[in-house]
């Protein structure tokens, strides 16, 4: 039997709304930043609108004084 405490995602509380939580592109669901923020964590799938993704550092060296 599966222990419910082992799962990281809480059960959904409301249906997803197209346009607010996701949109369809070439037959794929693309989750919006709104939905991903509500989700509360990064899933590691490389979502296009992931607000948790680390920002890439600039290739520009820091300015020296």
N, C-alpha and C. Protein backbone atom coordinates (compact mmCIF):
# COMPACT_ATOMS: atom_id res chain seq x y z
N UNK A 1 0.83 -1.18 0.00
CA UNK A 1 0.00 0.00 0.00
C UNK A 1 0.88 1.25 0.00
N UNK A 2 0.40 2.30 -0.61
CA UNK A 2 1.13 3.55 -0.70
C UNK A 2 0.81 4.43 0.50
N UNK A 3 1.84 5.07 1.03
CA UNK A 3 1.66 5.99 2.13
C UNK A 3 1.38 7.37 1.56
N UNK A 4 0.24 8.00 1.86
CA UNK A 4 -0.08 9.31 1.27
C UNK A 4 0.91 10.39 1.64
N UNK A 5 1.61 10.24 2.77
CA UNK A 5 2.58 11.25 3.18
C UNK A 5 3.83 11.23 2.32
N UNK A 6 4.03 10.20 1.51
CA UNK A 6 5.21 10.10 0.65
C UNK A 6 5.09 10.99 -0.58
N UNK A 7 3.91 11.44 -0.92
CA UNK A 7 3.69 12.26 -2.11
C UNK A 7 3.91 13.73 -1.78
N UNK A 8 4.58 14.44 -2.68
CA UNK A 8 4.88 15.85 -2.46
C UNK A 8 3.73 16.77 -2.86
N UNK A 9 2.96 16.40 -3.88
CA UNK A 9 1.90 17.26 -4.38
C UNK A 9 0.61 17.04 -3.59
N UNK A 10 0.00 18.14 -3.12
CA UNK A 10 -1.30 17.99 -2.46
C UNK A 10 -2.36 17.66 -3.49
N UNK A 11 -3.46 17.06 -3.08
CA UNK A 11 -4.52 16.76 -4.03
C UNK A 11 -5.09 18.05 -4.60
N UNK A 12 -5.51 18.05 -5.86
CA UNK A 12 -6.06 19.27 -6.45
C UNK A 12 -7.32 19.70 -5.73
N UNK A 13 -7.48 21.01 -5.55
CA UNK A 13 -8.66 21.51 -4.86
C UNK A 13 -9.67 22.12 -5.82
N UNK A 14 -9.23 22.45 -7.04
CA UNK A 14 -10.14 23.05 -8.03
C UNK A 14 -9.69 22.62 -9.42
N UNK A 15 -10.63 22.66 -10.33
CA UNK A 15 -10.32 22.31 -11.72
C UNK A 15 -9.42 23.37 -12.33
N UNK A 16 -8.56 22.95 -13.24
CA UNK A 16 -7.70 23.89 -13.95
C UNK A 16 -8.54 24.70 -14.93
N UNK A 17 -8.19 25.96 -15.10
CA UNK A 17 -8.92 26.85 -16.00
C UNK A 17 -8.01 27.22 -17.16
N UNK A 18 -8.46 26.89 -18.38
CA UNK A 18 -7.68 27.23 -19.56
C UNK A 18 -7.56 28.74 -19.67
N UNK A 19 -6.35 29.21 -19.95
CA UNK A 19 -6.08 30.64 -20.04
C UNK A 19 -5.52 31.21 -18.75
N UNK A 20 -5.97 30.69 -17.62
CA UNK A 20 -5.44 31.13 -16.33
C UNK A 20 -4.33 30.20 -15.85
N UNK A 21 -4.60 28.89 -15.90
CA UNK A 21 -3.66 27.90 -15.38
C UNK A 21 -2.81 27.24 -16.46
N UNK A 22 -3.31 27.22 -17.67
CA UNK A 22 -2.59 26.58 -18.77
C UNK A 22 -3.15 27.07 -20.09
N UNK A 23 -2.40 26.81 -21.16
CA UNK A 23 -2.91 27.00 -22.52
C UNK A 23 -2.38 25.85 -23.35
N UNK A 24 -3.02 25.61 -24.48
CA UNK A 24 -2.62 24.52 -25.36
C UNK A 24 -1.78 25.08 -26.51
N UNK A 25 -0.65 24.42 -26.76
CA UNK A 25 0.22 24.81 -27.86
C UNK A 25 0.69 23.56 -28.57
N UNK A 26 0.30 23.41 -29.82
CA UNK A 26 0.66 22.24 -30.63
C UNK A 26 0.27 20.93 -29.93
N UNK A 27 -0.86 20.93 -29.26
CA UNK A 27 -1.35 19.73 -28.59
C UNK A 27 -0.77 19.49 -27.21
N UNK A 28 0.12 20.36 -26.74
CA UNK A 28 0.73 20.22 -25.42
C UNK A 28 0.14 21.23 -24.45
N UNK A 29 0.03 20.82 -23.19
CA UNK A 29 -0.40 21.73 -22.15
C UNK A 29 0.82 22.52 -21.70
N UNK A 30 0.68 23.84 -21.66
CA UNK A 30 1.75 24.71 -21.16
C UNK A 30 1.21 25.40 -19.92
N UNK A 31 1.80 25.10 -18.77
CA UNK A 31 1.33 25.69 -17.52
C UNK A 31 1.80 27.13 -17.40
N UNK A 32 0.93 27.98 -16.87
CA UNK A 32 1.25 29.40 -16.70
C UNK A 32 2.01 29.62 -15.40
N UNK A 33 2.65 30.78 -15.31
CA UNK A 33 3.35 31.13 -14.07
C UNK A 33 2.37 31.16 -12.90
N UNK A 34 1.16 31.62 -13.15
CA UNK A 34 0.13 31.65 -12.10
C UNK A 34 -0.08 30.26 -11.50
N UNK A 35 -0.29 29.27 -12.36
CA UNK A 35 -0.51 27.91 -11.89
C UNK A 35 0.72 27.38 -11.14
N UNK A 36 1.90 27.62 -11.71
CA UNK A 36 3.12 27.09 -11.10
C UNK A 36 3.39 27.73 -9.75
N UNK A 37 3.07 29.00 -9.58
CA UNK A 37 3.21 29.64 -8.27
C UNK A 37 2.23 29.03 -7.27
N UNK A 38 1.01 28.77 -7.72
CA UNK A 38 0.01 28.13 -6.85
C UNK A 38 0.46 26.73 -6.46
N UNK A 39 1.14 26.05 -7.36
CA UNK A 39 1.62 24.70 -7.10
C UNK A 39 2.62 24.69 -5.94
N UNK A 40 3.48 25.72 -5.92
CA UNK A 40 4.34 25.92 -4.76
C UNK A 40 5.75 25.39 -4.83
N UNK A 41 6.12 24.69 -5.90
CA UNK A 41 7.49 24.18 -6.00
C UNK A 41 7.81 23.83 -7.45
N UNK A 42 9.11 23.70 -7.72
CA UNK A 42 9.56 23.31 -9.05
C UNK A 42 9.50 21.79 -9.17
N UNK A 43 9.00 21.32 -10.31
CA UNK A 43 8.91 19.87 -10.53
C UNK A 43 10.15 19.35 -11.26
N UNK A 44 11.00 20.25 -11.76
CA UNK A 44 12.22 19.84 -12.45
C UNK A 44 12.02 19.44 -13.90
N UNK A 45 10.85 19.72 -14.47
CA UNK A 45 10.57 19.33 -15.85
C UNK A 45 10.97 20.38 -16.87
N UNK A 46 11.46 21.52 -16.42
CA UNK A 46 11.86 22.58 -17.34
C UNK A 46 10.69 23.35 -17.91
N UNK A 47 9.67 23.57 -17.13
CA UNK A 47 8.48 24.28 -17.59
C UNK A 47 8.85 25.67 -18.13
N UNK A 48 8.21 26.04 -19.23
CA UNK A 48 8.50 27.30 -19.91
C UNK A 48 8.34 28.51 -18.99
N UNK A 49 7.33 28.52 -18.15
CA UNK A 49 7.02 29.68 -17.32
C UNK A 49 7.38 29.47 -15.85
N UNK A 50 8.32 28.58 -15.56
CA UNK A 50 8.67 28.24 -14.18
C UNK A 50 9.22 29.46 -13.43
N UNK A 51 8.56 29.86 -12.34
CA UNK A 51 9.06 30.99 -11.56
C UNK A 51 10.16 30.58 -10.58
N UNK A 52 10.45 29.29 -10.47
CA UNK A 52 11.43 28.79 -9.50
C UNK A 52 12.79 28.52 -10.13
N UNK A 53 12.85 28.60 -11.45
CA UNK A 53 14.08 28.31 -12.17
C UNK A 53 15.13 29.34 -11.79
N UNK A 54 16.35 28.87 -11.60
CA UNK A 54 17.43 29.78 -11.26
C UNK A 54 17.72 30.67 -12.46
N UNK A 55 17.95 31.93 -12.19
CA UNK A 55 18.26 32.88 -13.25
C UNK A 55 19.67 32.61 -13.75
N UNK A 56 19.85 32.68 -15.08
CA UNK A 56 21.17 32.50 -15.66
C UNK A 56 22.00 33.74 -15.36
N UNK A 57 23.25 33.50 -15.00
CA UNK A 57 24.14 34.62 -14.73
C UNK A 57 24.56 35.24 -16.04
N UNK A 58 24.74 36.53 -16.02
CA UNK A 58 25.16 37.26 -17.20
C UNK A 58 26.58 36.87 -17.59
N UNK A 59 26.85 36.83 -18.88
CA UNK A 59 28.18 36.51 -19.37
C UNK A 59 29.12 37.69 -19.18
N UNK A 60 28.55 38.82 -18.83
CA UNK A 60 29.33 40.04 -18.64
C UNK A 60 30.06 39.99 -17.30
N UNK A 61 31.38 40.25 -17.28
CA UNK A 61 32.12 40.23 -16.01
C UNK A 61 31.68 41.39 -15.13
N UNK A 62 31.79 41.25 -13.81
CA UNK A 62 31.39 42.34 -12.91
C UNK A 62 32.28 43.56 -13.12
N UNK A 63 31.69 44.73 -12.95
CA UNK A 63 32.44 45.98 -13.13
C UNK A 63 33.43 46.14 -11.99
N UNK A 64 34.65 46.51 -12.31
CA UNK A 64 35.66 46.74 -11.26
C UNK A 64 35.68 48.21 -10.90
N UNK A 65 36.00 48.49 -9.66
CA UNK A 65 36.01 49.88 -9.18
C UNK A 65 37.36 50.49 -9.35
